């Protein structure tokens, strides 16, 4: 399964939703796809979809997916990494009315250069190549979230105050 999340930002992300729906329609994506569509106006015809997905269910979908495709919000792609995936990350762009500026493209580029573990995709026409690359990297991808350790340390520090 391919799982797509566009996050909860109040602007549409039709460009990504339609691109994935088209790839399922033409057989480029052969397996089922589920798209969390957010505020997109485009409603997928060839994919299961829901406007929003509860956090626990989203984690399940990410874990079950062969490939995870996210917008450029760090919370989404970090969740995918924590689920053992090397996500395809498609930044929202201001020029398409998907966000107020291009900070997602900038941050995705920086994460890809400095840390890796994601496959940036700035042009949805290149999604098939990005998906294939993510499939191959997810098998060897290892990411450990330090959230629990951070919370424990923060709790300890607060207790010492």
N, C-alpha and C. Protein backbone atom coordinates (compact mmCIF):
# COMPACT_ATOMS: atom_id res chain seq x y z
N UNK A 1 0.84 -1.18 0.00
CA UNK A 1 0.00 0.00 0.00
C UNK A 1 0.88 1.25 0.00
N UNK A 2 0.39 2.28 -0.66
CA UNK A 2 1.02 3.59 -0.62
C UNK A 2 0.15 4.47 0.26
N UNK A 3 0.76 5.12 1.24
CA UNK A 3 0.02 6.03 2.11
C UNK A 3 0.51 7.45 1.86
N UNK A 4 -0.44 8.35 1.67
CA UNK A 4 -0.13 9.76 1.40
C UNK A 4 -0.78 10.62 2.47
N UNK A 5 -0.02 11.56 3.02
CA UNK A 5 -0.60 12.55 3.92
C UNK A 5 -0.20 13.94 3.48
N UNK A 6 -1.19 14.82 3.44
CA UNK A 6 -0.93 16.22 3.08
C UNK A 6 -0.98 17.12 4.31
N UNK A 7 -1.18 16.52 5.48
CA UNK A 7 -1.19 17.29 6.72
C UNK A 7 -2.50 18.01 6.96
N UNK A 8 -2.46 18.97 7.86
CA UNK A 8 -3.68 19.67 8.27
C UNK A 8 -3.66 21.15 7.93
N UNK A 9 -2.69 21.59 7.15
CA UNK A 9 -2.64 22.99 6.74
C UNK A 9 -3.90 23.35 5.96
N UNK A 10 -4.42 24.54 6.19
CA UNK A 10 -5.74 24.91 5.65
C UNK A 10 -5.79 25.21 4.16
N UNK A 11 -4.66 25.14 3.46
CA UNK A 11 -4.69 25.32 2.01
C UNK A 11 -4.67 23.96 1.31
N UNK A 12 -5.21 23.92 0.12
CA UNK A 12 -5.29 22.67 -0.66
C UNK A 12 -3.91 22.18 -1.06
N UNK A 13 -3.82 20.89 -1.37
CA UNK A 13 -2.61 20.31 -1.96
C UNK A 13 -3.05 19.40 -3.10
N UNK A 14 -3.89 19.96 -3.98
CA UNK A 14 -4.44 19.21 -5.11
C UNK A 14 -3.36 18.62 -6.00
N UNK A 15 -2.26 19.33 -6.15
CA UNK A 15 -1.18 18.87 -7.04
C UNK A 15 -0.71 17.48 -6.65
N UNK A 16 -0.49 17.25 -5.37
CA UNK A 16 -0.03 15.93 -4.91
C UNK A 16 -1.15 14.90 -4.93
N UNK A 17 -2.33 15.27 -4.45
CA UNK A 17 -3.46 14.33 -4.38
C UNK A 17 -3.80 13.83 -5.78
N UNK A 18 -3.89 14.74 -6.74
CA UNK A 18 -4.23 14.36 -8.12
C UNK A 18 -3.12 13.53 -8.75
N UNK A 19 -1.87 13.90 -8.50
CA UNK A 19 -0.75 13.15 -9.09
C UNK A 19 -0.77 11.69 -8.64
N UNK A 20 -1.00 11.45 -7.35
CA UNK A 20 -1.04 10.07 -6.85
C UNK A 20 -2.25 9.34 -7.42
N UNK A 21 -3.40 10.00 -7.46
CA UNK A 21 -4.61 9.39 -8.03
C UNK A 21 -4.38 9.00 -9.49
N UNK A 22 -3.72 9.88 -10.24
CA UNK A 22 -3.41 9.58 -11.65
C UNK A 22 -2.44 8.41 -11.79
N UNK A 23 -1.46 8.32 -10.89
CA UNK A 23 -0.50 7.21 -10.96
C UNK A 23 -1.16 5.87 -10.65
N UNK A 24 -2.15 5.88 -9.77
CA UNK A 24 -2.92 4.66 -9.51
C UNK A 24 -3.78 4.34 -10.73
N UNK A 25 -4.40 5.36 -11.32
CA UNK A 25 -5.27 5.15 -12.49
C UNK A 25 -4.52 4.55 -13.66
N UNK A 26 -3.29 5.03 -13.90
CA UNK A 26 -2.57 4.52 -15.08
C UNK A 26 -1.73 3.29 -14.78
N UNK A 27 -1.78 2.79 -13.53
CA UNK A 27 -1.08 1.56 -13.18
C UNK A 27 0.37 1.75 -12.77
N UNK A 28 0.86 2.98 -12.76
CA UNK A 28 2.23 3.23 -12.32
C UNK A 28 2.39 2.82 -10.86
N UNK A 29 1.39 3.15 -10.05
CA UNK A 29 1.31 2.62 -8.69
C UNK A 29 0.35 1.45 -8.79
N UNK A 30 0.87 0.24 -8.63
CA UNK A 30 0.07 -0.96 -8.85
C UNK A 30 -0.75 -1.38 -7.63
N UNK A 31 -0.27 -1.02 -6.45
CA UNK A 31 -0.98 -1.43 -5.25
C UNK A 31 -1.98 -0.37 -4.82
N UNK A 32 -2.85 -0.69 -3.87
CA UNK A 32 -3.82 0.30 -3.39
C UNK A 32 -3.10 1.49 -2.75
N UNK A 33 -3.76 2.63 -2.79
CA UNK A 33 -3.23 3.83 -2.16
C UNK A 33 -4.32 4.45 -1.29
N UNK A 34 -3.89 5.01 -0.17
CA UNK A 34 -4.79 5.74 0.72
C UNK A 34 -4.24 7.14 0.87
N UNK A 35 -5.11 8.14 0.64
CA UNK A 35 -4.67 9.53 0.70
C UNK A 35 -5.44 10.28 1.78
N UNK A 36 -4.72 10.89 2.69
CA UNK A 36 -5.31 11.83 3.64
C UNK A 36 -5.27 13.16 2.90
N UNK A 37 -6.45 13.67 2.51
CA UNK A 37 -6.54 14.79 1.57
C UNK A 37 -6.54 16.18 2.19
N UNK A 38 -6.77 16.29 3.50
CA UNK A 38 -6.79 17.61 4.12
C UNK A 38 -7.82 18.51 3.46
N UNK A 39 -7.42 19.72 3.18
CA UNK A 39 -8.34 20.71 2.61
C UNK A 39 -8.30 20.77 1.07
N UNK A 40 -7.79 19.73 0.45
CA UNK A 40 -7.76 19.69 -1.02
C UNK A 40 -9.17 19.62 -1.57
N UNK A 41 -9.41 20.31 -2.70
CA UNK A 41 -10.72 20.25 -3.37
C UNK A 41 -10.82 19.02 -4.25
N UNK A 42 -9.67 18.57 -4.77
CA UNK A 42 -9.68 17.41 -5.64
C UNK A 42 -9.97 16.17 -4.81
N UNK A 43 -10.98 15.43 -5.22
CA UNK A 43 -11.33 14.18 -4.52
C UNK A 43 -10.86 13.00 -5.35
N UNK A 44 -9.99 12.17 -4.80
CA UNK A 44 -9.47 11.02 -5.55
C UNK A 44 -10.58 10.09 -6.03
N UNK A 45 -10.39 9.56 -7.23
CA UNK A 45 -11.34 8.64 -7.84
C UNK A 45 -10.82 7.20 -7.74
N UNK A 46 -9.52 7.05 -7.74
CA UNK A 46 -8.90 5.72 -7.82
C UNK A 46 -8.24 5.27 -6.52
N UNK A 47 -8.38 6.07 -5.46
CA UNK A 47 -7.74 5.77 -4.18
C UNK A 47 -8.74 5.92 -3.05
N UNK A 48 -8.56 5.12 -2.02
CA UNK A 48 -9.29 5.37 -0.79
C UNK A 48 -8.78 6.69 -0.24
N UNK A 49 -9.66 7.42 0.43
CA UNK A 49 -9.22 8.70 0.96
C UNK A 49 -10.10 9.15 2.11
N UNK A 50 -9.53 10.04 2.90
CA UNK A 50 -10.26 10.66 4.00
C UNK A 50 -9.66 12.04 4.19
N UNK A 51 -10.50 13.00 4.55
CA UNK A 51 -9.99 14.35 4.75
C UNK A 51 -8.93 14.36 5.85
N UNK A 52 -9.26 13.75 6.98
CA UNK A 52 -8.32 13.67 8.09
C UNK A 52 -8.30 12.25 8.64
N UNK A 53 -7.22 11.91 9.32
CA UNK A 53 -7.04 10.58 9.89
C UNK A 53 -6.54 10.77 11.32
N UNK A 54 -7.17 10.13 12.31
CA UNK A 54 -6.67 10.24 13.68
C UNK A 54 -5.21 9.79 13.77
N UNK A 55 -4.47 10.42 14.68
CA UNK A 55 -3.02 10.17 14.79
C UNK A 55 -2.66 8.70 14.94
N UNK A 56 -3.37 7.98 15.79
CA UNK A 56 -3.05 6.56 16.00
C UNK A 56 -3.25 5.75 14.72
N UNK A 57 -4.31 6.06 13.99
CA UNK A 57 -4.58 5.35 12.73
C UNK A 57 -3.53 5.72 11.68
N UNK A 58 -3.11 6.98 11.68
CA UNK A 58 -2.08 7.41 10.73
C UNK A 58 -0.79 6.64 10.98
N UNK A 59 -0.42 6.45 12.24
CA UNK A 59 0.79 5.67 12.55
C UNK A 59 0.66 4.24 12.04
N UNK A 60 -0.54 3.65 12.21
CA UNK A 60 -0.77 2.30 11.70
C UNK A 60 -0.61 2.26 10.18
N UNK A 61 -1.21 3.23 9.49
CA UNK A 61 -1.12 3.27 8.03
C UNK A 61 0.32 3.43 7.58
N UNK A 62 1.08 4.26 8.27
CA UNK A 62 2.49 4.44 7.91
C UNK A 62 3.27 3.16 8.11
N UNK A 63 2.99 2.46 9.19
CA UNK A 63 3.69 1.20 9.47
C UNK A 63 3.35 0.14 8.43
N UNK A 64 2.09 0.07 8.02
CA UNK A 64 1.64 -0.93 7.05
C UNK A 64 2.07 -0.61 5.62
N UNK A 65 2.29 0.65 5.32
CA UNK A 65 2.57 1.07 3.94
C UNK A 65 3.92 0.58 3.46
N UNK A 66 3.97 0.30 2.16
CA UNK A 66 5.25 0.02 1.51
C UNK A 66 6.00 1.32 1.27
N UNK A 67 5.23 2.36 0.94
CA UNK A 67 5.79 3.69 0.67
C UNK A 67 4.90 4.72 1.34
N UNK A 68 5.54 5.72 1.95
CA UNK A 68 4.83 6.85 2.53
C UNK A 68 5.24 8.10 1.77
N UNK A 69 4.25 8.86 1.35
CA UNK A 69 4.47 10.13 0.66
C UNK A 69 3.86 11.21 1.55
N UNK A 70 4.65 12.23 1.89
CA UNK A 70 4.16 13.30 2.76
C UNK A 70 4.39 14.66 2.13
N UNK A 71 3.72 15.65 2.70
CA UNK A 71 4.03 17.04 2.40
C UNK A 71 5.34 17.36 3.13
N UNK A 72 5.79 18.59 3.06
CA UNK A 72 7.08 18.94 3.64
C UNK A 72 7.06 19.34 5.09
N UNK A 73 5.96 19.08 5.80
CA UNK A 73 5.92 19.39 7.23
C UNK A 73 6.74 18.37 7.99
N UNK A 74 7.66 18.82 8.85
CA UNK A 74 8.56 17.89 9.52
C UNK A 74 7.87 16.85 10.38
N UNK A 75 6.78 17.20 11.01
CA UNK A 75 6.09 16.21 11.86
C UNK A 75 5.68 14.99 11.04
N UNK A 76 5.18 15.23 9.84
CA UNK A 76 4.72 14.11 9.00
C UNK A 76 5.88 13.25 8.53
N UNK A 77 6.94 13.87 8.01
CA UNK A 77 8.00 13.00 7.50
C UNK A 77 8.81 12.36 8.63
N UNK A 78 8.88 12.99 9.79
CA UNK A 78 9.56 12.36 10.93
C UNK A 78 8.75 11.17 11.43
N UNK A 79 7.42 11.29 11.45
CA UNK A 79 6.56 10.14 11.83
C UNK A 79 6.80 8.97 10.88
N UNK A 80 6.90 9.25 9.59
CA UNK A 80 7.15 8.19 8.61
C UNK A 80 8.51 7.54 8.86
N UNK A 81 9.51 8.37 9.16
CA UNK A 81 10.84 7.84 9.45
C UNK A 81 10.80 6.97 10.70
N UNK A 82 10.06 7.42 11.71
CA UNK A 82 9.95 6.65 12.95
C UNK A 82 9.25 5.31 12.72
N UNK A 83 8.42 5.25 11.66
CA UNK A 83 7.74 3.99 11.30
C UNK A 83 8.64 3.11 10.44
N UNK A 84 9.88 3.51 10.25
CA UNK A 84 10.83 2.70 9.50
C UNK A 84 10.82 2.93 8.01
N UNK A 85 10.21 4.02 7.57
CA UNK A 85 10.14 4.31 6.14
C UNK A 85 11.11 5.42 5.78
N UNK A 86 11.53 5.41 4.55
CA UNK A 86 12.25 6.53 3.96
C UNK A 86 11.19 7.24 3.10
N UNK A 87 10.57 8.29 3.62
CA UNK A 87 9.43 8.87 2.92
C UNK A 87 9.81 9.71 1.71
N UNK A 88 8.89 9.72 0.74
CA UNK A 88 8.97 10.68 -0.35
C UNK A 88 8.34 11.95 0.21
N UNK A 89 9.06 13.06 0.13
CA UNK A 89 8.59 14.32 0.70
C UNK A 89 8.40 15.33 -0.42
N UNK A 90 7.13 15.74 -0.60
CA UNK A 90 6.76 16.70 -1.64
C UNK A 90 6.40 18.02 -0.95
N UNK A 91 7.28 19.01 -1.02
CA UNK A 91 6.98 20.26 -0.33
C UNK A 91 5.82 21.01 -0.98
N UNK A 92 4.99 21.62 -0.14
CA UNK A 92 3.95 22.52 -0.63
C UNK A 92 4.64 23.76 -1.19
N UNK A 93 4.03 24.36 -2.23
CA UNK A 93 4.63 25.53 -2.88
C UNK A 93 3.65 26.69 -2.93
N UNK A 94 4.17 27.88 -2.67
CA UNK A 94 3.35 29.09 -2.70
C UNK A 94 2.79 29.35 -4.10
N UNK A 95 3.58 29.08 -5.12
CA UNK A 95 3.15 29.37 -6.49
C UNK A 95 1.89 28.60 -6.90
N UNK A 96 1.59 27.49 -6.23
CA UNK A 96 0.40 26.70 -6.52
C UNK A 96 -0.72 26.94 -5.51
N UNK A 97 -0.54 27.92 -4.63
CA UNK A 97 -1.54 28.22 -3.62
C UNK A 97 -1.63 27.15 -2.55
N UNK A 98 -0.52 26.44 -2.31
CA UNK A 98 -0.49 25.35 -1.34
C UNK A 98 0.01 25.79 0.04
N UNK A 99 0.68 26.93 0.06
CA UNK A 99 1.21 27.47 1.32
C UNK A 99 1.49 28.95 1.12
N UNK A 100 1.82 29.64 2.20
CA UNK A 100 2.04 31.08 2.13
C UNK A 100 3.41 31.45 1.58
N UNK A 101 4.36 30.52 1.67
CA UNK A 101 5.70 30.74 1.13
C UNK A 101 6.32 29.37 0.83
N UNK A 102 7.59 29.36 0.51
CA UNK A 102 8.25 28.11 0.13
C UNK A 102 9.17 27.55 1.23
N UNK A 103 8.83 27.80 2.49
CA UNK A 103 9.68 27.31 3.57
C UNK A 103 9.78 25.79 3.58
N UNK A 104 8.73 25.07 3.12
CA UNK A 104 8.82 23.61 3.11
C UNK A 104 9.90 23.13 2.15
N UNK A 105 9.99 23.76 0.99
CA UNK A 105 11.03 23.37 0.02
C UNK A 105 12.42 23.62 0.61
N UNK A 106 12.56 24.74 1.29
CA UNK A 106 13.86 25.07 1.90
C UNK A 106 14.22 24.07 2.99
N UNK A 107 13.28 23.77 3.88
CA UNK A 107 13.60 22.86 4.98
C UNK A 107 13.81 21.43 4.50
N UNK A 108 13.05 21.00 3.50
CA UNK A 108 13.23 19.64 2.95
C UNK A 108 14.63 19.51 2.34
N UNK A 109 15.05 20.54 1.61
CA UNK A 109 16.39 20.52 1.01
C UNK A 109 17.47 20.40 2.10
N UNK A 110 17.31 21.18 3.17
CA UNK A 110 18.29 21.16 4.26
C UNK A 110 18.33 19.80 4.95
N UNK A 111 17.16 19.22 5.25
CA UNK A 111 17.12 17.90 5.89
C UNK A 111 17.76 16.86 4.99
N UNK A 112 17.43 16.89 3.71
CA UNK A 112 17.99 15.90 2.77
C UNK A 112 19.51 16.02 2.70
N UNK A 113 20.02 17.24 2.70
CA UNK A 113 21.47 17.45 2.61
C UNK A 113 22.19 17.10 3.90
N UNK A 114 21.64 17.50 5.03
CA UNK A 114 22.35 17.36 6.30
C UNK A 114 22.15 16.01 6.98
N UNK A 115 20.94 15.45 6.85
CA UNK A 115 20.64 14.22 7.58
C UNK A 115 20.35 13.05 6.66
N UNK A 116 19.65 13.31 5.55
CA UNK A 116 19.21 12.22 4.68
C UNK A 116 18.01 11.53 5.29
N UNK A 117 17.70 10.35 4.80
CA UNK A 117 16.57 9.59 5.33
C UNK A 117 15.25 9.94 4.70
N UNK A 118 15.26 10.89 3.76
CA UNK A 118 14.05 11.26 3.02
C UNK A 118 14.40 11.33 1.54
N UNK A 119 13.37 11.22 0.70
CA UNK A 119 13.55 11.40 -0.74
C UNK A 119 12.76 12.64 -1.14
N UNK A 120 13.43 13.77 -1.34
CA UNK A 120 12.72 14.97 -1.74
C UNK A 120 12.18 14.82 -3.17
N UNK A 121 11.01 15.38 -3.40
CA UNK A 121 10.41 15.37 -4.74
C UNK A 121 9.75 16.73 -4.95
N UNK A 122 10.41 17.58 -5.69
CA UNK A 122 9.92 18.94 -5.89
C UNK A 122 8.97 19.05 -7.07
N UNK A 123 8.99 18.06 -7.94
CA UNK A 123 8.16 18.05 -9.15
C UNK A 123 7.37 16.73 -9.16
N UNK A 124 6.03 16.83 -9.08
CA UNK A 124 5.22 15.60 -9.00
C UNK A 124 5.35 14.73 -10.24
N UNK A 125 5.83 15.27 -11.34
CA UNK A 125 6.07 14.45 -12.53
C UNK A 125 7.17 13.42 -12.26
N UNK A 126 7.99 13.67 -11.25
CA UNK A 126 9.09 12.76 -10.90
C UNK A 126 8.72 11.82 -9.75
N UNK A 127 7.45 11.79 -9.37
CA UNK A 127 7.02 10.91 -8.28
C UNK A 127 7.35 9.43 -8.51
N UNK A 128 7.14 8.88 -9.72
CA UNK A 128 7.47 7.46 -9.89
C UNK A 128 8.92 7.12 -9.53
N UNK A 129 9.87 7.96 -9.96
CA UNK A 129 11.27 7.72 -9.62
C UNK A 129 11.51 7.86 -8.12
N UNK A 130 10.88 8.87 -7.51
CA UNK A 130 11.04 9.09 -6.07
C UNK A 130 10.47 7.90 -5.28
N UNK A 131 9.33 7.38 -5.72
CA UNK A 131 8.71 6.22 -5.05
C UNK A 131 9.64 5.01 -5.14
N UNK A 132 10.19 4.77 -6.31
CA UNK A 132 11.12 3.63 -6.47
C UNK A 132 12.35 3.78 -5.58
N UNK A 133 12.88 5.00 -5.51
CA UNK A 133 14.04 5.24 -4.66
C UNK A 133 13.69 5.02 -3.19
N UNK A 134 12.52 5.52 -2.76
CA UNK A 134 12.10 5.35 -1.36
C UNK A 134 11.92 3.88 -1.02
N UNK A 135 11.36 3.10 -1.95
CA UNK A 135 11.20 1.66 -1.71
C UNK A 135 12.56 1.01 -1.43
N UNK A 136 13.53 1.34 -2.21
CA UNK A 136 14.85 0.71 -2.04
C UNK A 136 15.53 1.18 -0.77
N UNK A 137 15.35 2.44 -0.39
CA UNK A 137 16.01 2.96 0.81
C UNK A 137 15.31 2.56 2.10
N UNK A 138 13.99 2.33 2.06
CA UNK A 138 13.27 1.97 3.28
C UNK A 138 13.76 0.65 3.84
N UNK A 139 14.22 -0.25 2.98
CA UNK A 139 14.72 -1.54 3.44
C UNK A 139 15.98 -1.38 4.29
N UNK A 140 16.78 -0.37 3.99
CA UNK A 140 18.03 -0.18 4.73
C UNK A 140 17.96 1.00 5.68
N UNK A 141 16.82 1.68 5.73
CA UNK A 141 16.67 2.89 6.53
C UNK A 141 16.48 2.54 8.00
N UNK A 142 17.21 3.24 8.83
CA UNK A 142 17.08 3.05 10.27
C UNK A 142 17.01 4.42 10.93
N UNK A 143 15.94 4.67 11.64
CA UNK A 143 15.75 5.95 12.31
C UNK A 143 15.27 5.67 13.71
N UNK A 144 15.91 6.29 14.67
CA UNK A 144 15.49 6.13 16.05
C UNK A 144 15.03 7.48 16.57
N UNK A 145 13.78 7.55 16.98
CA UNK A 145 13.25 8.77 17.57
C UNK A 145 13.77 8.90 18.99
N UNK A 146 14.16 10.09 19.34
CA UNK A 146 14.65 10.36 20.69
C UNK A 146 13.62 11.11 21.52
N UNK A 147 12.36 11.08 21.09
CA UNK A 147 11.30 11.79 21.79
C UNK A 147 11.15 11.32 23.23
N UNK A 148 11.14 10.02 23.46
CA UNK A 148 10.95 9.49 24.82
C UNK A 148 12.10 9.92 25.72
N UNK A 149 13.34 9.82 25.23
CA UNK A 149 14.49 10.24 26.02
C UNK A 149 14.43 11.73 26.32
N UNK A 150 14.05 12.52 25.33
CA UNK A 150 13.92 13.96 25.52
C UNK A 150 12.89 14.28 26.60
N UNK A 151 11.72 13.63 26.52
CA UNK A 151 10.66 13.87 27.51
C UNK A 151 11.10 13.46 28.91
N UNK A 152 11.80 12.32 29.02
CA UNK A 152 12.30 11.87 30.32
C UNK A 152 13.29 12.89 30.90
N UNK A 153 14.20 13.36 30.07
CA UNK A 153 15.20 14.33 30.52
C UNK A 153 14.55 15.66 30.91
N UNK A 154 13.58 16.10 30.11
CA UNK A 154 12.87 17.34 30.42
C UNK A 154 12.10 17.22 31.73
N UNK A 155 11.44 16.10 31.95
CA UNK A 155 10.71 15.86 33.19
C UNK A 155 11.67 15.90 34.39
N UNK A 156 12.83 15.30 34.22
CA UNK A 156 13.84 15.29 35.27
C UNK A 156 14.32 16.72 35.57
N UNK A 157 14.59 17.48 34.52
CA UNK A 157 15.05 18.86 34.72
C UNK A 157 13.99 19.72 35.40
N UNK A 158 12.75 19.55 35.00
CA UNK A 158 11.65 20.30 35.63
C UNK A 158 11.52 19.92 37.10
N UNK A 159 11.66 18.64 37.39
CA UNK A 159 11.59 18.17 38.76
C UNK A 159 12.70 18.75 39.64
N UNK A 160 13.85 19.00 39.04
CA UNK A 160 14.98 19.57 39.79
C UNK A 160 14.80 21.05 40.06
N UNK A 161 13.91 21.69 39.31
CA UNK A 161 13.69 23.13 39.54
C UNK A 161 12.92 23.28 40.81
